[in-house]
Amino acid sequence: GGISNVKDSLKGRFTISKDNDKRTIYLQMNSLTPEDTAVYY
């Protein structure tokens, strides 16, 4: 239904969204730090 939730430590910097028609999920990441370095799935 589109209700989103972000890990507490990432709230305010990361946002998840989706486009059902495109069957695509997005992750907007702001104010990135070296600790965000990872493989994202």
ModelCIF file with pLDDT and N, C-alpha, C, O atoms, coordinates in Angstrom:
data_MODEL
#
_entry.id   MODEL 
#
_entity.id                         1 
_entity.type                       polymer 
_entity.pdbx_number_of_molecules   1 
#
_entity_poly.entity_id                      1 
_entity_poly.type                           'polypeptide(L)' 
_entity_poly.nstd_linkage                   no 
_entity_poly.nstd_monomer                   no 
_entity_poly.pdbx_seq_one_letter_code       GGISNVKDSLKGRFTISKDNDKRTIYLQMNSLTPEDTAVYY 
_entity_poly.pdbx_seq_one_letter_code_can   GGISNVKDSLKGRFTISKDNDKRTIYLQMNSLTPEDTAVYY 
_entity_poly.pdbx_strand_id                 A 
#
loop_
_entity_poly_seq.entity_id 
_entity_poly_seq.num 
_entity_poly_seq.mon_id 
_entity_poly_seq.hetero 
1 1  GLY n 
1 2  GLY n 
1 3  ILE n 
1 4  SER n 
1 5  ASN n 
1 6  VAL n 
1 7  LYS n 
1 8  ASP n 
1 9  SER n 
1 10 LEU n 
1 11 LYS n 
1 12 GLY n 
1 13 ARG n 
1 14 PHE n 
1 15 THR n 
1 16 ILE n 
1 17 SER n 
1 18 LYS n 
1 19 ASP n 
1 20 ASN n 
1 21 ASP n 
1 22 LYS n 
1 23 ARG n 
1 24 THR n 
1 25 ILE n 
1 26 TYR n 
1 27 LEU n 
1 28 GLN n 
1 29 MET n 
1 30 ASN n 
1 31 SER n 
1 32 LEU n 
1 33 THR n 
1 34 PRO n 
1 35 GLU n 
1 36 ASP n 
1 37 THR n 
1 38 ALA n 
1 39 VAL n 
1 40 TYR n 
1 41 TYR n 
#
_struct_asym.id          A 
_struct_asym.entity_id   1 
#
loop_
_ma_qa_metric.id 
_ma_qa_metric.mode 
_ma_qa_metric.name 
_ma_qa_metric.software_group_id 
_ma_qa_metric.type 
1 global pLDDT . pLDDT 
2 local  pLDDT . pLDDT 
#
_ma_qa_metric_global.metric_id      1 
_ma_qa_metric_global.metric_value   96.71 
_ma_qa_metric_global.model_id       1 
_ma_qa_metric_global.ordinal_id     1 
#
loop_
_ma_qa_metric_local.label_asym_id 
_ma_qa_metric_local.label_comp_id 
_ma_qa_metric_local.label_seq_id 
_ma_qa_metric_local.metric_id 
_ma_qa_metric_local.metric_value 
_ma_qa_metric_local.model_id 
_ma_qa_metric_local.ordinal_id 
A GLY 1  2 93.00 1 1  
A GLY 2  2 94.00 1 2  
A ILE 3  2 97.00 1 3  
A SER 4  2 97.00 1 4  
A ASN 5  2 97.00 1 5  
A VAL 6  2 98.00 1 6  
A LYS 7  2 97.00 1 7  
A ASP 8  2 97.00 1 8  
A SER 9  2 96.00 1 9  
A LEU 10 2 97.00 1 10 
A LYS 11 2 97.00 1 11 
A GLY 12 2 97.00 1 12 
A ARG 13 2 98.00 1 13 
A PHE 14 2 98.00 1 14 
A THR 15 2 98.00 1 15 
A ILE 16 2 98.00 1 16 
A SER 17 2 97.00 1 17 
A LYS 18 2 95.00 1 18 
A ASP 19 2 94.00 1 19 
A ASN 20 2 91.00 1 20 
A ASP 21 2 92.00 1 21 
A LYS 22 2 94.00 1 22 
A ARG 23 2 94.00 1 23 
A THR 24 2 96.00 1 24 
A ILE 25 2 97.00 1 25 
A TYR 26 2 98.00 1 26 
A LEU 27 2 98.00 1 27 
A GLN 28 2 98.00 1 28 
A MET 29 2 98.00 1 29 
A ASN 30 2 98.00 1 30 
A SER 31 2 98.00 1 31 
A LEU 32 2 98.00 1 32 
A THR 33 2 98.00 1 33 
A PRO 34 2 97.00 1 34 
A GLU 35 2 97.00 1 35 
A ASP 36 2 98.00 1 36 
A THR 37 2 98.00 1 37 
A ALA 38 2 98.00 1 38 
A VAL 39 2 98.00 1 39 
A TYR 40 2 98.00 1 40 
A TYR 41 2 98.00 1 41 
#
loop_
_atom_site.group_PDB 
_atom_site.id 
_atom_site.type_symbol 
_atom_site.label_atom_id 
_atom_site.label_alt_id 
_atom_site.label_comp_id 
_atom_site.label_asym_id 
_atom_site.label_entity_id 
_atom_site.label_seq_id 
_atom_site.pdbx_PDB_ins_code 
_atom_site.Cartn_x 
_atom_site.Cartn_y 
_atom_site.Cartn_z 
_atom_site.occupancy 
_atom_site.B_iso_or_equiv 
_atom_site.pdbx_formal_charge 
_atom_site.auth_seq_id 
_atom_site.auth_comp_id 
_atom_site.auth_asym_id 
_atom_site.auth_atom_id 
_atom_site.pdbx_PDB_model_num 
ATOM 1   N N  . GLY A 1 1  ? 0.787  -1.223 0.000   1.00 93.00 ? 1  GLY A N  1 
ATOM 2   C CA . GLY A 1 1  ? 0.000  0.000  0.000   1.00 93.00 ? 1  GLY A CA 1 
ATOM 3   C C  . GLY A 1 1  ? 0.820  1.274  0.000   1.00 93.00 ? 1  GLY A C  1 
ATOM 4   O O  . GLY A 1 1  ? 0.273  2.376  -0.055  1.00 93.00 ? 1  GLY A O  1 
ATOM 5   N N  . GLY A 1 2  ? 2.129  1.121  0.062   1.00 94.00 ? 2  GLY A N  1 
ATOM 6   C CA . GLY A 1 2  ? 2.988  2.298  -0.031  1.00 94.00 ? 2  GLY A CA 1 
ATOM 7   C C  . GLY A 1 2  ? 3.454  2.879  1.292   1.00 94.00 ? 2  GLY A C  1 
ATOM 8   O O  . GLY A 1 2  ? 4.046  3.958  1.315   1.00 94.00 ? 2  GLY A O  1 
ATOM 9   N N  . ILE A 1 3  ? 3.203  2.195  2.377   1.00 97.00 ? 3  ILE A N  1 
ATOM 10  C CA . ILE A 1 3  ? 3.690  2.673  3.672   1.00 97.00 ? 3  ILE A CA 1 
ATOM 11  C C  . ILE A 1 3  ? 5.152  2.266  3.808   1.00 97.00 ? 3  ILE A C  1 
ATOM 12  O O  . ILE A 1 3  ? 5.502  1.096  3.650   1.00 97.00 ? 3  ILE A O  1 
ATOM 13  N N  . SER A 1 4  ? 5.999  3.245  4.100   1.00 97.00 ? 4  SER A N  1 
ATOM 14  C CA . SER A 1 4  ? 7.433  2.989  4.129   1.00 97.00 ? 4  SER A CA 1 
ATOM 15  C C  . SER A 1 4  ? 7.979  3.083  5.542   1.00 97.00 ? 4  SER A C  1 
ATOM 16  O O  . SER A 1 4  ? 7.409  3.732  6.419   1.00 97.00 ? 4  SER A O  1 
ATOM 17  N N  . ASN A 1 5  ? 9.089  2.420  5.725   1.00 97.00 ? 5  ASN A N  1 
ATOM 18  C CA . ASN A 1 5  ? 9.785  2.468  7.009   1.00 97.00 ? 5  ASN A CA 1 
ATOM 19  C C  . ASN A 1 5  ? 11.266 2.358  6.740   1.00 97.00 ? 5  ASN A C  1 
ATOM 20  O O  . ASN A 1 5  ? 11.697 1.566  5.902   1.00 97.00 ? 5  ASN A O  1 
ATOM 21  N N  . VAL A 1 6  ? 12.044 3.150  7.447   1.00 98.00 ? 6  VAL A N  1 
ATOM 22  C CA . VAL A 1 6  ? 13.489 3.180  7.284   1.00 98.00 ? 6  VAL A CA 1 
ATOM 23  C C  . VAL A 1 6  ? 14.138 2.821  8.615   1.00 98.00 ? 6  VAL A C  1 
ATOM 24  O O  . VAL A 1 6  ? 13.650 3.209  9.676   1.00 98.00 ? 6  VAL A O  1 
ATOM 25  N N  . LYS A 1 7  ? 15.215 2.095  8.553   1.00 97.00 ? 7  LYS A N  1 
ATOM 26  C CA . LYS A 1 7  ? 15.982 1.761  9.747   1.00 97.00 ? 7  LYS A CA 1 
ATOM 27  C C  . LYS A 1 7  ? 16.234 3.039  10.542  1.00 97.00 ? 7  LYS A C  1 
ATOM 28  O O  . LYS A 1 7  ? 16.580 4.076  9.977   1.00 97.00 ? 7  LYS A O  1 
ATOM 29  N N  . ASP A 1 8  ? 16.060 2.953  11.844  1.00 97.00 ? 8  ASP A N  1 
ATOM 30  C CA . ASP A 1 8  ? 16.119 4.142  12.698  1.00 97.00 ? 8  ASP A CA 1 
ATOM 31  C C  . ASP A 1 8  ? 17.383 4.960  12.480  1.00 97.00 ? 8  ASP A C  1 
ATOM 32  O O  . ASP A 1 8  ? 17.321 6.187  12.405  1.00 97.00 ? 8  ASP A O  1 
ATOM 33  N N  . SER A 1 9  ? 18.508 4.305  12.377  1.00 96.00 ? 9  SER A N  1 
ATOM 34  C CA . SER A 1 9  ? 19.780 5.017  12.274  1.00 96.00 ? 9  SER A CA 1 
ATOM 35  C C  . SER A 1 9  ? 19.943 5.722  10.928  1.00 96.00 ? 9  SER A C  1 
ATOM 36  O O  . SER A 1 9  ? 20.853 6.533  10.756  1.00 96.00 ? 9  SER A O  1 
ATOM 37  N N  . LEU A 1 10 ? 19.061 5.412  9.972   1.00 97.00 ? 10 LEU A N  1 
ATOM 38  C CA . LEU A 1 10 ? 19.165 5.999  8.645   1.00 97.00 ? 10 LEU A CA 1 
ATOM 39  C C  . LEU A 1 10 ? 18.038 6.992  8.355   1.00 97.00 ? 10 LEU A C  1 
ATOM 40  O O  . LEU A 1 10 ? 18.026 7.642  7.310   1.00 97.00 ? 10 LEU A O  1 
ATOM 41  N N  . LYS A 1 11 ? 17.108 7.100  9.274   1.00 97.00 ? 11 LYS A N  1 
ATOM 42  C CA . LYS A 1 11 ? 15.994 8.025  9.070   1.00 97.00 ? 11 LYS A CA 1 
ATOM 43  C C  . LYS A 1 11 ? 16.494 9.457  8.923   1.00 97.00 ? 11 LYS A C  1 
ATOM 44  O O  . LYS A 1 11 ? 17.410 9.899  9.616   1.00 97.00 ? 11 LYS A O  1 
ATOM 45  N N  . GLY A 1 12 ? 15.866 10.154 8.006   1.00 97.00 ? 12 GLY A N  1 
ATOM 46  C CA . GLY A 1 12 ? 16.275 11.522 7.731   1.00 97.00 ? 12 GLY A CA 1 
ATOM 47  C C  . GLY A 1 12 ? 17.281 11.625 6.601   1.00 97.00 ? 12 GLY A C  1 
ATOM 48  O O  . GLY A 1 12 ? 17.481 12.698 6.030   1.00 97.00 ? 12 GLY A O  1 
ATOM 49  N N  . ARG A 1 13 ? 17.924 10.485 6.274   1.00 98.00 ? 13 ARG A N  1 
ATOM 50  C CA . ARG A 1 13 ? 18.887 10.498 5.172   1.00 98.00 ? 13 ARG A CA 1 
ATOM 51  C C  . ARG A 1 13 ? 18.443 9.603  4.003   1.00 98.00 ? 13 ARG A C  1 
ATOM 52  O O  . ARG A 1 13 ? 18.696 9.919  2.841   1.00 98.00 ? 13 ARG A O  1 
ATOM 53  N N  . PHE A 1 14 ? 17.786 8.497  4.322   1.00 98.00 ? 14 PHE A N  1 
ATOM 54  C CA . PHE A 1 14 ? 17.381 7.526  3.298   1.00 98.00 ? 14 PHE A CA 1 
ATOM 55  C C  . PHE A 1 14 ? 15.866 7.546  3.132   1.00 98.00 ? 14 PHE A C  1 
ATOM 56  O O  . PHE A 1 14 ? 15.127 7.709  4.103   1.00 98.00 ? 14 PHE A O  1 
ATOM 57  N N  . THR A 1 15 ? 15.417 7.379  1.898   1.00 98.00 ? 15 THR A N  1 
ATOM 58  C CA . THR A 1 15 ? 13.993 7.313  1.596   1.00 98.00 ? 15 THR A CA 1 
ATOM 59  C C  . THR A 1 15 ? 13.748 6.193  0.595   1.00 98.00 ? 15 THR A C  1 
ATOM 60  O O  . THR A 1 15 ? 14.461 6.077  -0.401  1.00 98.00 ? 15 THR A O  1 
ATOM 61  N N  . ILE A 1 16 ? 12.749 5.377  0.859   1.00 98.00 ? 16 ILE A N  1 
ATOM 62  C CA . ILE A 1 16 ? 12.378 4.302  -0.062  1.00 98.00 ? 16 ILE A CA 1 
ATOM 63  C C  . ILE A 1 16 ? 11.062 4.686  -0.748  1.00 98.00 ? 16 ILE A C  1 
ATOM 64  O O  . ILE A 1 16 ? 10.170 5.265  -0.129  1.00 98.00 ? 16 ILE A O  1 
ATOM 65  N N  . SER A 1 17 ? 10.962 4.354  -2.025  1.00 97.00 ? 17 SER A N  1 
ATOM 66  C CA . SER A 1 17 ? 9.736  4.599  -2.775  1.00 97.00 ? 17 SER A CA 1 
ATOM 67  C C  . SER A 1 17 ? 9.607  3.532  -3.852  1.00 97.00 ? 17 SER A C  1 
ATOM 68  O O  . SER A 1 17 ? 10.518 2.732  -4.064  1.00 97.00 ? 17 SER A O  1 
ATOM 69  N N  . LYS A 1 18 ? 8.464  3.533  -4.527  1.00 95.00 ? 18 LYS A N  1 
ATOM 70  C CA . LYS A 1 18 ? 8.295  2.547  -5.590  1.00 95.00 ? 18 LYS A CA 1 
ATOM 71  C C  . LYS A 1 18 ? 7.356  3.080  -6.654  1.00 95.00 ? 18 LYS A C  1 
ATOM 72  O O  . LYS A 1 18 ? 6.553  3.981  -6.415  1.00 95.00 ? 18 LYS A O  1 
ATOM 73  N N  . ASP A 1 19 ? 7.480  2.502  -7.826  1.00 94.00 ? 19 ASP A N  1 
ATOM 74  C CA . ASP A 1 19 ? 6.595  2.793  -8.949  1.00 94.00 ? 19 ASP A CA 1 
ATOM 75  C C  . ASP A 1 19 ? 5.998  1.459  -9.389  1.00 94.00 ? 19 ASP A C  1 
ATOM 76  O O  . ASP A 1 19 ? 6.675  0.649  -10.022 1.00 94.00 ? 19 ASP A O  1 
ATOM 77  N N  . ASN A 1 20 ? 4.745  1.238  -9.055  1.00 91.00 ? 20 ASN A N  1 
ATOM 78  C CA . ASN A 1 20 ? 4.138  -0.058 -9.361  1.00 91.00 ? 20 ASN A CA 1 
ATOM 79  C C  . ASN A 1 20 ? 4.074  -0.324 -10.863 1.00 91.00 ? 20 ASN A C  1 
ATOM 80  O O  . ASN A 1 20 ? 4.274  -1.454 -11.311 1.00 91.00 ? 20 ASN A O  1 
ATOM 81  N N  . ASP A 1 21 ? 3.798  0.711  -11.627 1.00 92.00 ? 21 ASP A N  1 
ATOM 82  C CA . ASP A 1 21 ? 3.684  0.526  -13.074 1.00 92.00 ? 21 ASP A CA 1 
ATOM 83  C C  . ASP A 1 21 ? 5.008  0.095  -13.694 1.00 92.00 ? 21 ASP A C  1 
ATOM 84  O O  . ASP A 1 21 ? 5.036  -0.683 -14.648 1.00 92.00 ? 21 ASP A O  1 
ATOM 85  N N  . LYS A 1 22 ? 6.101  0.609  -13.142 1.00 94.00 ? 22 LYS A N  1 
ATOM 86  C CA . LYS A 1 22 ? 7.426  0.267  -13.653 1.00 94.00 ? 22 LYS A CA 1 
ATOM 87  C C  . LYS A 1 22 ? 8.025  -0.917 -12.912 1.00 94.00 ? 22 LYS A C  1 
ATOM 88  O O  . LYS A 1 22 ? 9.116  -1.378 -13.251 1.00 94.00 ? 22 LYS A O  1 
ATOM 89  N N  . ARG A 1 23 ? 7.313  -1.414 -11.896 1.00 94.00 ? 23 ARG A N  1 
ATOM 90  C CA . ARG A 1 23 ? 7.824  -2.527 -11.064 1.00 94.00 ? 23 ARG A CA 1 
ATOM 91  C C  . ARG A 1 23 ? 9.241  -2.195 -10.572 1.00 94.00 ? 23 ARG A C  1 
ATOM 92  O O  . ARG A 1 23 ? 10.153 -3.019 -10.647 1.00 94.00 ? 23 ARG A O  1 
ATOM 93  N N  . THR A 1 24 ? 9.390  -1.010 -10.086 1.00 96.00 ? 24 THR A N  1 
ATOM 94  C CA . THR A 1 24 ? 10.710 -0.518 -9.665  1.00 96.00 ? 24 THR A CA 1 
ATOM 95  C C  . THR A 1 24 ? 10.642 0.042  -8.254  1.00 96.00 ? 24 THR A C  1 
ATOM 96  O O  . THR A 1 24 ? 9.695  0.736  -7.883  1.00 96.00 ? 24 THR A O  1 
ATOM 97  N N  . ILE A 1 25 ? 11.660 -0.274 -7.485  1.00 97.00 ? 25 ILE A N  1 
ATOM 98  C CA . ILE A 1 25 ? 11.824 0.259  -6.134  1.00 97.00 ? 25 ILE A CA 1 
ATOM 99  C C  . ILE A 1 25 ? 13.024 1.197  -6.158  1.00 97.00 ? 25 ILE A C  1 
ATOM 100 O O  . ILE A 1 25 ? 14.012 0.942  -6.847  1.00 97.00 ? 25 ILE A O  1 
ATOM 101 N N  . TYR A 1 26 ? 12.927 2.269  -5.408  1.00 98.00 ? 26 TYR A N  1 
ATOM 102 C CA . TYR A 1 26 ? 14.006 3.253  -5.369  1.00 98.00 ? 26 TYR A CA 1 
ATOM 103 C C  . TYR A 1 26 ? 14.498 3.428  -3.925  1.00 98.00 ? 26 TYR A C  1 
ATOM 104 O O  . TYR A 1 26 ? 13.759 3.230  -2.961  1.00 98.00 ? 26 TYR A O  1 
ATOM 105 N N  . LEU A 1 27 ? 15.758 3.801  -3.823  1.00 98.00 ? 27 LEU A N  1 
ATOM 106 C CA . LEU A 1 27 ? 16.317 4.190  -2.536  1.00 98.00 ? 27 LEU A CA 1 
ATOM 107 C C  . LEU A 1 27 ? 17.094 5.478  -2.743  1.00 98.00 ? 27 LEU A C  1 
ATOM 108 O O  . LEU A 1 27 ? 18.145 5.490  -3.383  1.00 98.00 ? 27 LEU A O  1 
ATOM 109 N N  . GLN A 1 28 ? 16.564 6.555  -2.195  1.00 98.00 ? 28 GLN A N  1 
ATOM 110 C CA . GLN A 1 28 ? 17.245 7.845  -2.235  1.00 98.00 ? 28 GLN A CA 1 
ATOM 111 C C  . GLN A 1 28 ? 18.113 7.964  -0.995  1.00 98.00 ? 28 GLN A C  1 
ATOM 112 O O  . GLN A 1 28 ? 17.631 7.829  0.129   1.00 98.00 ? 28 GLN A O  1 
ATOM 113 N N  . MET A 1 29 ? 19.390 8.217  -1.208  1.00 98.00 ? 29 MET A N  1 
ATOM 114 C CA . MET A 1 29 ? 20.342 8.293  -0.103  1.00 98.00 ? 29 MET A CA 1 
ATOM 115 C C  . MET A 1 29 ? 21.013 9.650  -0.127  1.00 98.00 ? 29 MET A C  1 
ATOM 116 O O  . MET A 1 29 ? 21.602 10.038 -1.136  1.00 98.00 ? 29 MET A O  1 
ATOM 117 N N  . ASN A 1 30 ? 20.931 10.369 0.968   1.00 98.00 ? 30 ASN A N  1 
ATOM 118 C CA . ASN A 1 30 ? 21.526 11.700 1.080   1.00 98.00 ? 30 ASN A CA 1 
ATOM 119 C C  . ASN A 1 30 ? 22.549 11.737 2.213   1.00 98.00 ? 30 ASN A C  1 
ATOM 120 O O  . ASN A 1 30 ? 22.564 10.862 3.079   1.00 98.00 ? 30 ASN A O  1 
ATOM 121 N N  . SER A 1 31 ? 23.381 12.731 2.195   1.00 98.00 ? 31 SER A N  1 
ATOM 122 C CA . SER A 1 31 ? 24.389 12.930 3.246   1.00 98.00 ? 31 SER A CA 1 
ATOM 123 C C  . SER A 1 31 ? 25.157 11.642 3.511   1.00 98.00 ? 31 SER A C  1 
ATOM 124 O O  . SER A 1 31 ? 25.299 11.211 4.656   1.00 98.00 ? 31 SER A O  1 
ATOM 125 N N  . LEU A 1 32 ? 25.639 11.051 2.461   1.00 98.00 ? 32 LEU A N  1 
ATOM 126 C CA . LEU A 1 32 ? 26.302 9.751  2.579   1.00 98.00 ? 32 LEU A CA 1 
ATOM 127 C C  . LEU A 1 32 ? 27.622 9.857  3.343   1.00 98.00 ? 32 LEU A C  1 
ATOM 128 O O  . LEU A 1 32 ? 28.334 10.857 3.256   1.00 98.00 ? 32 LEU A O  1 
ATOM 129 N N  . THR A 1 33 ? 27.922 8.815  4.082   1.00 98.00 ? 33 THR A N  1 
ATOM 130 C CA . THR A 1 33 ? 29.163 8.722  4.842   1.00 98.00 ? 33 THR A CA 1 
ATOM 131 C C  . THR A 1 33 ? 29.890 7.439  4.433   1.00 98.00 ? 33 THR A C  1 
ATOM 132 O O  . THR A 1 33 ? 29.282 6.553  3.834   1.00 98.00 ? 33 THR A O  1 
ATOM 133 N N  . PRO A 1 34 ? 31.171 7.332  4.747   1.00 97.00 ? 34 PRO A N  1 
ATOM 134 C CA . PRO A 1 34 ? 31.901 6.096  4.421   1.00 97.00 ? 34 PRO A CA 1 
ATOM 135 C C  . PRO A 1 34 ? 31.250 4.853  5.029   1.00 97.00 ? 34 PRO A C  1 
ATOM 136 O O  . PRO A 1 34 ? 31.400 3.754  4.495   1.00 97.00 ? 34 PRO A O  1 
ATOM 137 N N  . GLU A 1 35 ? 30.539 5.013  6.127   1.00 97.00 ? 35 GLU A N  1 
ATOM 138 C CA . GLU A 1 35 ? 29.871 3.868  6.760   1.00 97.00 ? 35 GLU A CA 1 
ATOM 139 C C  . GLU A 1 35 ? 28.708 3.339  5.918   1.00 97.00 ? 35 GLU A C  1 
ATOM 140 O O  . GLU A 1 35 ? 28.194 2.254  6.191   1.00 97.00 ? 35 GLU A O  1 
ATOM 141 N N  . ASP A 1 36 ? 28.297 4.082  4.915   1.00 98.00 ? 36 ASP A N  1 
ATOM 142 C CA . ASP A 1 36 ? 27.238 3.619  4.013   1.00 98.00 ? 36 ASP A CA 1 
ATOM 143 C C  . ASP A 1 36 ? 27.794 2.758  2.879   1.00 98.00 ? 36 ASP A C  1 
ATOM 144 O O  . ASP A 1 36 ? 27.030 2.224  2.075   1.00 98.00 ? 36 ASP A O  1 
ATOM 145 N N  . THR A 1 37 ? 29.087 2.626  2.812   1.00 98.00 ? 37 THR A N  1 
ATOM 146 C CA . THR A 1 37 ? 29.706 1.792  1.774   1.00 98.00 ? 37 THR A CA 1 
ATOM 147 C C  . THR A 1 37 ? 29.281 0.340  1.954   1.00 98.00 ? 37 THR A C  1 
ATOM 148 O O  . THR A 1 37 ? 29.476 -0.251 3.017   1.00 98.00 ? 37 THR A O  1 
ATOM 149 N N  . ALA A 1 38 ? 28.703 -0.221 0.906   1.00 98.00 ? 38 ALA A N  1 
ATOM 150 C CA . ALA A 1 38 ? 28.184 -1.585 0.973   1.00 98.00 ? 38 ALA A CA 1 
ATOM 151 C C  . ALA A 1 38 ? 27.656 -1.969 -0.398  1.00 98.00 ? 38 ALA A C  1 
ATOM 152 O O  . ALA A 1 38 ? 27.553 -1.134 -1.297  1.00 98.00 ? 38 ALA A O  1 
ATOM 153 N N  . VAL A 1 39 ? 27.324 -3.236 -0.542  1.00 98.00 ? 39 VAL A N  1 
ATOM 154 C CA . VAL A 1 39 ? 26.557 -3.683 -1.694  1.00 98.00 ? 39 VAL A CA 1 
ATOM 155 C C  . VAL A 1 39 ? 25.086 -3.628 -1.285  1.00 98.00 ? 39 VAL A C  1 
ATOM 156 O O  . VAL A 1 39 ? 24.700 -4.150 -0.239  1.00 98.00 ? 39 VAL A O  1 
ATOM 157 N N  . TYR A 1 40 ? 24.283 -2.996 -2.115  1.00 98.00 ? 40 TYR A N  1 
ATOM 158 C CA . TYR A 1 40 ? 22.868 -2.803 -1.821  1.00 98.00 ? 40 TYR A CA 1 
ATOM 159 C C  . TYR A 1 40 ? 22.037 -3.746 -2.679  1.00 98.00 ? 40 TYR A C  1 
ATOM 160 O O  . TYR A 1 40 ? 22.253 -3.876 -3.884  1.00 98.00 ? 40 TYR A O  1 
ATOM 161 N N  . TYR A 1 41 ? 21.087 -4.396 -2.032  1.00 98.00 ? 41 TYR A N  1 
ATOM 162 C CA . TYR A 1 41 ? 20.219 -5.377 -2.679  1.00 98.00 ? 41 TYR A CA 1 
ATOM 163 C C  . TYR A 1 41 ? 18.753 -5.040 -2.408  1.00 98.00 ? 41 TYR A C  1 
ATOM 164 O O  . TYR A 1 41 ? 17.860 -5.751 -2.869  1.00 98.00 ? 41 TYR A O  1 
#
